[in-house]
Amino acid sequence: MYFLVLFFSFTFTDPPGKESNPKGSPFFSQEIPPEIEQLNRLQALYVAHNQLGSLPAEILALQDLVSLRLGHNQIEQLPDGLSSLPGLSELSLGNNRLRSLPADLGLCPSLTELNLEHNQLTALPESLGRLMSLQKLHLSHNNIEEISSHSVAGMIQLR
């Protein structure tokens, strides 16, 4: 079995005639290129510590994806359709700007670890209660005031 891991740190320079970042920090890409879909055998994608604002729909073409780490970015919204990634077992979204989650996230059959800490979530979709394989759920440092029993009802593997 082969396991391919790609680490991305998208950097670019200022175009001619443009000023540098006034804060003095390096510029990072704010998007994953749509050509990512061509890596159809990719099993792990780690793009943490960039300034990604969103995930392209082309991510959903990565049918062999097992691990997706997107922590420490600026992601505000996830695309619908993550449930179409049948082998996705680890989804790390900590330290982003998520305010809500797509309803179909609870339909990811293989998900065992879900990291949502340090976001701006106020509620969890009830569909998360269908994550029967989920073993680890990280929710600290959000704005969640109440968790519905339906949102966790089927998480029978939580440790």
Protein backbone atom coordinates (compact mmCIF):
# COMPACT_ATOMS: atom_id res chain seq x y z
CA MET A 1 0.00 0.00 0.00
CA TYR A 2 1.32 3.42 -0.95
CA PHE A 3 0.53 6.50 1.07
CA LEU A 4 1.16 9.84 -0.60
CA VAL A 5 1.28 12.93 1.56
CA LEU A 6 1.52 16.42 0.17
CA PHE A 7 2.38 19.41 2.32
CA PHE A 8 1.58 22.77 0.80
CA SER A 9 2.79 26.18 1.73
CA PHE A 10 1.74 28.34 -1.16
CA THR A 11 3.97 31.37 -1.31
CA PHE A 12 4.15 34.08 -3.87
CA THR A 13 5.87 37.38 -4.34
CA ASP A 14 4.44 40.79 -4.92
CA PRO A 15 3.72 41.69 -8.53
CA PRO A 16 5.96 44.43 -9.93
CA GLY A 17 4.87 47.84 -8.71
CA LYS A 18 2.94 46.50 -5.71
CA GLU A 19 3.86 47.17 -2.12
CA SER A 20 4.84 44.43 0.28
CA ASN A 21 2.55 43.30 3.03
CA PRO A 22 2.44 46.28 5.40
CA LYS A 23 2.62 43.99 8.42
CA GLY A 24 5.92 42.62 7.20
CA SER A 25 4.80 38.99 7.20
CA PRO A 26 5.13 36.81 4.12
CA PHE A 27 2.23 36.50 1.70
CA PHE A 28 0.60 33.13 1.42
CA SER A 29 -1.85 31.92 -1.14
CA GLN A 30 -5.49 32.32 -0.30
CA GLU A 31 -6.70 29.40 -2.37
CA ILE A 32 -5.93 25.85 -3.35
CA PRO A 33 -5.61 25.68 -7.13
CA PRO A 34 -8.45 23.86 -8.92
CA GLU A 35 -5.87 21.58 -10.54
CA ILE A 36 -5.76 19.74 -7.20
CA GLU A 37 -8.45 17.45 -8.65
CA GLN A 38 -5.81 15.92 -10.93
CA LEU A 39 -4.20 14.31 -7.87
CA ASN A 40 -6.95 11.72 -7.81
CA ARG A 41 -4.86 9.14 -5.88
CA LEU A 42 -3.97 11.60 -3.11
CA GLN A 43 -4.61 10.18 0.35
CA ALA A 44 -3.47 13.00 2.64
CA LEU A 45 -3.52 16.75 2.13
CA TYR A 46 -2.00 19.02 4.76
CA VAL A 47 -2.42 22.72 4.03
CA ALA A 48 -2.32 24.13 7.54
CA HIS A 49 -0.83 27.53 8.40
CA ASN A 50 -1.70 29.34 5.21
CA GLN A 51 -4.31 32.01 4.59
CA LEU A 52 -6.86 29.85 2.82
CA GLY A 53 -10.27 31.48 2.83
CA SER A 54 -12.18 28.57 1.32
CA LEU A 55 -11.97 25.06 -0.05
CA PRO A 56 -12.51 24.57 -3.78
CA ALA A 57 -15.19 22.13 -4.91
CA GLU A 58 -12.43 20.26 -6.77
CA ILE A 59 -11.38 18.79 -3.40
CA LEU A 60 -14.43 16.55 -3.72
CA ALA A 61 -12.79 14.79 -6.67
CA LEU A 62 -10.11 13.34 -4.36
CA GLN A 63 -11.90 10.05 -3.78
CA ASP A 64 -8.90 8.37 -2.09
CA LEU A 65 -8.47 11.16 0.47
CA VAL A 66 -8.14 9.82 4.01
CA SER A 67 -6.72 12.81 5.90
CA LEU A 68 -7.47 16.50 5.30
CA ARG A 69 -5.74 18.99 7.59
CA LEU A 70 -6.77 22.60 7.13
CA GLY A 71 -6.00 24.11 10.53
CA HIS A 72 -4.71 27.63 11.08
CA ASN A 73 -6.26 29.20 8.00
CA GLN A 74 -9.09 31.67 7.46
CA ILE A 75 -11.75 29.29 6.17
CA GLU A 76 -15.24 30.66 6.77
CA GLN A 77 -17.31 28.05 4.97
CA LEU A 78 -17.01 24.46 3.80
CA PRO A 79 -18.36 23.21 0.50
CA ASP A 80 -21.35 20.89 0.49
CA GLY A 81 -20.42 17.38 -0.57
CA LEU A 82 -17.69 16.35 1.87
CA SER A 83 -19.77 13.23 2.41
CA SER A 84 -18.78 12.21 -1.13
CA LEU A 85 -15.27 11.42 0.17
CA PRO A 86 -15.87 7.80 1.23
CA GLY A 87 -12.53 7.16 2.97
CA LEU A 88 -12.14 10.49 4.78
CA SER A 89 -11.30 9.53 8.35
CA GLU A 90 -9.55 12.68 9.64
CA LEU A 91 -10.80 16.23 9.10
CA SER A 92 -8.91 18.94 10.94
CA LEU A 93 -10.36 22.44 10.75
CA GLY A 94 -9.12 23.96 14.00
CA ASN A 95 -8.19 27.64 14.13
CA ASN A 96 -10.30 28.89 11.26
CA ARG A 97 -13.32 31.19 11.02
CA LEU A 98 -16.12 28.67 10.60
CA ARG A 99 -19.50 29.92 11.81
CA SER A 100 -21.52 26.92 10.64
CA LEU A 101 -21.06 23.46 9.17
CA PRO A 102 -22.68 21.89 6.12
CA ALA A 103 -25.51 19.53 7.00
CA ASP A 104 -24.00 16.68 4.97
CA LEU A 105 -20.87 16.60 7.16
CA GLY A 106 -22.70 14.09 9.31
CA LEU A 107 -22.88 11.72 6.35
CA CYS A 108 -19.13 11.04 6.16
CA PRO A 109 -19.14 7.28 6.77
CA SER A 110 -15.47 6.82 7.70
CA LEU A 111 -14.86 9.93 9.79
CA THR A 112 -13.10 8.99 13.04
CA GLU A 113 -11.57 12.35 14.03
CA LEU A 114 -13.09 15.81 13.62
CA ASN A 115 -11.24 18.87 14.91
CA LEU A 116 -13.32 22.05 15.01
CA GLU A 117 -11.68 23.85 17.92
CA HIS A 118 -10.94 27.59 17.82
CA ASN A 119 -13.63 28.57 15.34
CA GLN A 120 -16.75 30.70 15.62
CA LEU A 121 -19.35 27.92 15.67
CA THR A 122 -22.57 28.63 17.53
CA ALA A 123 -24.32 25.31 16.89
CA LEU A 124 -23.78 21.85 15.45
CA PRO A 125 -25.95 20.36 12.71
CA GLU A 126 -28.10 17.49 13.89
CA SER A 127 -26.64 15.34 11.12
CA LEU A 128 -23.38 15.07 13.11
CA GLY A 129 -25.27 12.59 15.27
CA ARG A 130 -24.96 10.12 12.39
CA LEU A 131 -21.17 9.91 12.68
CA MET A 132 -21.16 6.44 14.19
CA SER A 133 -17.44 5.88 13.55
CA LEU A 134 -16.36 9.16 15.16
CA GLN A 135 -13.89 8.58 18.00
CA LYS A 136 -12.51 12.09 18.60
CA LEU A 137 -14.44 15.36 18.45
CA HIS A 138 -12.65 18.63 19.31
CA LEU A 139 -15.00 21.58 19.93
CA SER A 140 -13.18 23.79 22.45
CA HIS A 141 -12.97 27.56 22.00
CA ASN A 142 -16.14 28.10 19.97
CA ASN A 143 -19.32 30.02 20.74
CA ILE A 144 -21.51 26.96 21.26
CA GLU A 145 -23.98 27.52 24.08
CA GLU A 146 -25.93 24.29 23.79
CA ILE A 147 -25.45 20.94 22.08
CA SER A 148 -28.61 19.17 21.01
CA SER A 149 -28.85 15.51 21.96
CA HIS A 150 -29.61 14.80 18.29
CA SER A 151 -26.23 16.27 17.32
CA VAL A 152 -24.36 13.60 19.27
CA ALA A 153 -26.86 10.74 19.55
CA GLY A 154 -25.17 8.31 17.15
CA MET A 155 -21.56 9.01 18.16
CA ILE A 156 -21.27 5.67 19.90
CA GLN A 157 -17.50 5.36 19.37
CA LEU A 158 -16.51 8.67 21.06
CA ARG A 159 -13.69 8.27 23.55
